Amino acid sequence: MTGDGPGNDDPRALLGFDEPWQAQAHAMSQVLLESGRIEANVWAETLGAAISKRLASGAADTTETYYAALTDALETVLAVDGQELADVAEAWRDAYETTPHGKPVLLKTVKSE
């Protein structure tokens, strides 16, 4: 895999991230793994399949392709029901609209049916 972002004299090149979103996506996957929210073997299989799918569709073997596949894999392992997502979004909207300025926003537990 070759990077197509910062050059070797750029400190970001040492980290393997061309863009901030790549670091964020990587961090999310690490938190999910370390917290036990996803199992390592499930993550490895899902990420491997996402990379293979992108390469098979003709994508170049680049850092950009890897992190695009990583986000595909995150979407797969974190898939939620559309209604559940709508319920959570509505709960957040209600919470921030009713929270006084300067106070922490508290989200009530959301239960989908």
Protein backbone atom coordinates (compact mmCIF):
# COMPACT_ATOMS: atom_id res chain seq x y z
CA MET A 1 0.00 0.00 0.00
CA THR A 2 1.35 3.39 -0.86
CA GLY A 3 0.39 6.70 0.65
CA ASP A 4 -0.58 9.53 -1.60
CA GLY A 5 -0.61 12.23 1.07
CA PRO A 6 2.14 13.95 3.05
CA GLY A 7 5.76 13.37 2.04
CA ASN A 8 8.40 11.69 4.18
CA ASP A 9 9.52 15.03 5.64
CA ASP A 10 6.01 15.60 7.00
CA PRO A 11 5.51 14.16 10.54
CA ARG A 12 2.01 12.96 9.55
CA ALA A 13 3.63 10.53 7.09
CA LEU A 14 5.08 8.58 10.00
CA LEU A 15 1.59 8.03 11.40
CA GLY A 16 0.21 6.57 8.19
CA PHE A 17 -2.64 9.07 7.89
CA ASP A 18 -3.09 11.34 4.89
CA GLU A 19 -6.13 13.12 6.32
CA PRO A 20 -7.53 13.74 9.84
CA TRP A 21 -10.65 11.66 9.11
CA GLN A 22 -8.42 8.62 8.59
CA ALA A 23 -6.94 8.99 12.08
CA GLN A 24 -10.44 9.41 13.49
CA ALA A 25 -11.75 6.30 11.74
CA HIS A 26 -8.73 4.30 12.93
CA ALA A 27 -9.22 5.57 16.49
CA MET A 28 -12.89 4.57 16.43
CA SER A 29 -12.00 1.04 15.38
CA GLN A 30 -9.37 0.81 18.13
CA VAL A 31 -11.79 2.01 20.82
CA LEU A 32 -14.41 -0.47 19.66
CA LEU A 33 -11.88 -3.31 19.77
CA GLU A 34 -10.32 -2.35 23.12
CA SER A 35 -13.72 -1.85 24.76
CA GLY A 36 -14.96 -5.22 23.55
CA ARG A 37 -17.78 -3.70 21.49
CA ILE A 38 -16.52 -5.69 18.50
CA GLU A 39 -14.47 -8.88 18.56
CA ALA A 40 -11.04 -8.90 16.96
CA ASN A 41 -11.80 -11.87 14.69
CA VAL A 42 -15.06 -10.27 13.47
CA TRP A 43 -13.23 -7.00 12.83
CA ALA A 44 -10.39 -8.72 10.96
CA GLU A 45 -12.82 -10.63 8.73
CA THR A 46 -15.00 -7.57 8.07
CA LEU A 47 -12.05 -5.26 7.33
CA GLY A 48 -10.40 -7.88 5.12
CA ALA A 49 -13.60 -8.34 3.15
CA ALA A 50 -14.03 -4.57 2.75
CA ILE A 51 -10.45 -4.17 1.47
CA SER A 52 -10.85 -7.11 -0.93
CA LYS A 53 -14.13 -5.70 -2.25
CA ARG A 54 -12.59 -2.28 -2.95
CA LEU A 55 -9.53 -3.78 -4.65
CA ALA A 56 -11.68 -6.18 -6.69
CA SER A 57 -13.74 -3.23 -7.91
CA GLY A 58 -10.59 -1.67 -9.36
CA ALA A 59 -9.54 0.70 -6.57
CA ALA A 60 -5.80 1.37 -6.37
CA ASP A 61 -3.88 -0.13 -3.45
CA THR A 62 -3.42 3.17 -1.61
CA THR A 63 -3.83 4.62 1.85
CA GLU A 64 -7.05 6.25 0.67
CA THR A 65 -8.46 2.88 -0.40
CA TYR A 66 -7.47 1.29 2.93
CA TYR A 67 -9.21 3.94 5.01
CA ALA A 68 -12.26 3.96 2.76
CA ALA A 69 -12.46 0.19 3.34
CA LEU A 70 -11.99 0.78 7.07
CA THR A 71 -15.01 3.09 7.09
CA ASP A 72 -16.99 0.52 5.09
CA ALA A 73 -16.10 -2.07 7.74
CA LEU A 74 -17.09 0.28 10.57
CA GLU A 75 -20.45 0.86 8.90
CA THR A 76 -20.93 -2.90 8.60
CA VAL A 77 -20.12 -3.77 12.22
CA LEU A 78 -22.04 -0.78 13.57
CA ALA A 79 -25.12 -1.19 11.37
CA VAL A 80 -28.25 -0.12 13.17
CA ASP A 81 -31.88 -0.23 12.23
CA GLY A 82 -33.05 2.95 10.50
CA GLN A 83 -35.81 3.50 13.05
CA GLU A 84 -33.36 3.08 15.92
CA LEU A 85 -31.10 5.71 14.38
CA ALA A 86 -34.05 8.08 13.91
CA ASP A 87 -35.08 7.56 17.55
CA VAL A 88 -31.58 8.36 18.81
CA ALA A 89 -31.34 11.45 16.58
CA GLU A 90 -34.71 12.68 17.86
CA ALA A 91 -33.66 12.08 21.49
CA TRP A 92 -30.45 14.09 20.94
CA ARG A 93 -32.40 16.89 19.27
CA ASP A 94 -34.86 17.03 22.17
CA ALA A 95 -32.01 16.97 24.69
CA TYR A 96 -29.99 19.80 23.20
CA GLU A 97 -33.02 21.95 22.46
CA THR A 98 -34.24 21.73 26.05
CA THR A 99 -30.85 22.07 27.77
CA PRO A 100 -30.08 25.53 29.16
CA HIS A 101 -27.02 27.25 27.70
CA GLY A 102 -23.82 26.26 29.49
CA LYS A 103 -25.29 23.10 31.01
CA PRO A 104 -24.33 19.56 29.94
CA VAL A 105 -26.65 17.88 27.48
CA LEU A 106 -28.11 14.72 29.02
CA LEU A 107 -29.50 12.05 26.74
CA LYS A 108 -32.30 9.90 28.10
CA THR A 109 -32.14 6.19 27.38
CA VAL A 110 -33.60 5.48 23.97
CA LYS A 111 -35.46 2.22 23.44
CA SER A 112 -36.52 1.13 20.00
CA GLU A 113 -39.40 -1.24 19.57
